[in-house]
Amino acid sequence: MRSVNEAHVARPGLAVVEVAALDDATAFAVQELLAAQGAVAAAQRTVREPGEPGVRLRFFLDLHPGDDQDDATKDGDHRGAGTRNRP
């Protein structure tokens, strides 16, 4: 699996999703299924890795589209703002 850019997981609700499937149709079906749960930066094509079975599809998922990190910090929720919760 390729490395993940920090910006793609910068706040709660963001995810990098990599699907391994036998064929393109299955990989894209998984992408569509997850797109129903949030905003997806959809992949347009799959990749075949030499020596590995099937295809790979990598896309980015935002479970909280429209939410802004600044909104969370205004409400006093600093969990995603780079601070640690202290006891």
Protein backbone atom coordinates (compact mmCIF):
# COMPACT_ATOMS: atom_id res chain seq x y z
CA MET A 1 0.00 0.00 0.00
CA ARG A 2 1.24 3.47 -0.85
CA SER A 3 2.01 5.95 1.90
CA VAL A 4 -0.72 8.28 3.18
CA ASN A 5 -0.44 12.07 2.95
CA GLU A 6 -1.08 13.70 6.34
CA ALA A 7 -3.61 16.11 4.81
CA HIS A 8 -5.84 13.20 3.81
CA VAL A 9 -6.34 12.23 7.48
CA ALA A 10 -6.03 15.68 9.05
CA ARG A 11 -9.25 15.51 11.08
CA PRO A 12 -11.76 12.95 12.37
CA GLY A 13 -13.98 11.61 9.62
CA LEU A 14 -11.34 11.65 6.87
CA ALA A 15 -10.07 8.34 5.53
CA VAL A 16 -7.92 6.93 2.77
CA VAL A 17 -9.58 3.77 1.46
CA GLU A 18 -7.75 1.18 -0.59
CA VAL A 19 -9.81 -1.65 -2.04
CA ALA A 20 -8.39 -4.90 -3.34
CA ALA A 21 -10.82 -6.83 -5.54
CA LEU A 22 -10.86 -9.44 -8.26
CA ASP A 23 -12.19 -7.03 -10.87
CA ASP A 24 -13.00 -3.39 -11.64
CA ALA A 25 -16.75 -3.85 -11.17
CA THR A 26 -16.32 -5.09 -7.60
CA ALA A 27 -13.85 -2.35 -6.67
CA PHE A 28 -16.11 0.39 -8.03
CA ALA A 29 -19.15 -1.17 -6.29
CA VAL A 30 -17.32 -0.83 -2.95
CA GLN A 31 -16.51 2.80 -3.76
CA GLU A 32 -20.18 3.50 -4.55
CA LEU A 33 -21.30 1.79 -1.35
CA LEU A 34 -19.04 3.99 0.76
CA ALA A 35 -20.01 7.10 -1.21
CA ALA A 36 -23.51 6.67 0.21
CA GLN A 37 -22.01 7.21 3.69
CA GLY A 38 -20.17 10.47 2.97
CA ALA A 39 -18.38 12.56 0.38
CA VAL A 40 -15.92 10.63 -1.76
CA ALA A 41 -13.08 11.89 -3.92
CA ALA A 42 -13.71 9.08 -6.35
CA ALA A 43 -11.06 7.18 -8.24
CA GLN A 44 -11.59 6.91 -11.99
CA ARG A 45 -9.52 3.80 -12.65
CA THR A 46 -8.10 0.77 -10.93
CA VAL A 47 -4.47 -0.32 -10.84
CA ARG A 48 -3.00 -3.79 -11.40
CA GLU A 49 0.15 -4.46 -9.41
CA PRO A 50 2.52 -6.95 -11.08
CA GLY A 51 2.64 -10.21 -9.16
CA GLU A 52 -0.48 -9.41 -7.08
CA PRO A 53 -3.94 -10.79 -7.78
CA GLY A 54 -6.85 -8.60 -8.82
CA VAL A 55 -7.00 -4.83 -8.94
CA ARG A 56 -6.52 -1.97 -6.46
CA LEU A 57 -8.63 1.15 -6.12
CA ARG A 58 -7.68 4.02 -3.83
CA PHE A 59 -10.00 6.88 -2.94
CA PHE A 60 -10.62 9.43 -0.20
CA LEU A 61 -13.65 9.49 2.08
CA ASP A 62 -15.04 12.31 4.24
CA LEU A 63 -17.68 11.05 6.68
CA HIS A 64 -18.51 14.62 7.76
CA PRO A 65 -18.71 16.68 4.56
CA GLY A 66 -19.29 20.34 5.23
CA ASP A 67 -17.89 20.10 8.76
CA ASP A 68 -14.96 22.38 9.34
CA GLN A 69 -12.30 21.85 11.98
CA ASP A 70 -12.74 25.50 13.01
CA ASP A 71 -16.41 24.82 13.84
CA ALA A 72 -15.41 22.04 16.23
CA THR A 73 -12.91 24.22 18.06
CA LYS A 74 -15.42 27.06 18.40
CA ASP A 75 -17.72 24.62 20.20
CA GLY A 76 -14.94 23.67 22.60
CA ASP A 77 -14.18 20.33 20.98
CA HIS A 78 -10.42 20.31 20.47
CA ARG A 79 -9.98 16.60 19.76
CA GLY A 80 -9.23 17.21 16.07
CA ALA A 81 -7.35 20.47 16.57
CA GLY A 82 -3.95 19.04 17.40
CA THR A 83 -4.33 19.24 21.17
CA ARG A 84 -4.40 16.32 23.53
CA ASN A 85 -7.28 15.63 25.84
CA ARG A 86 -5.98 15.87 29.38
CA PRO A 87 -7.51 14.12 32.41
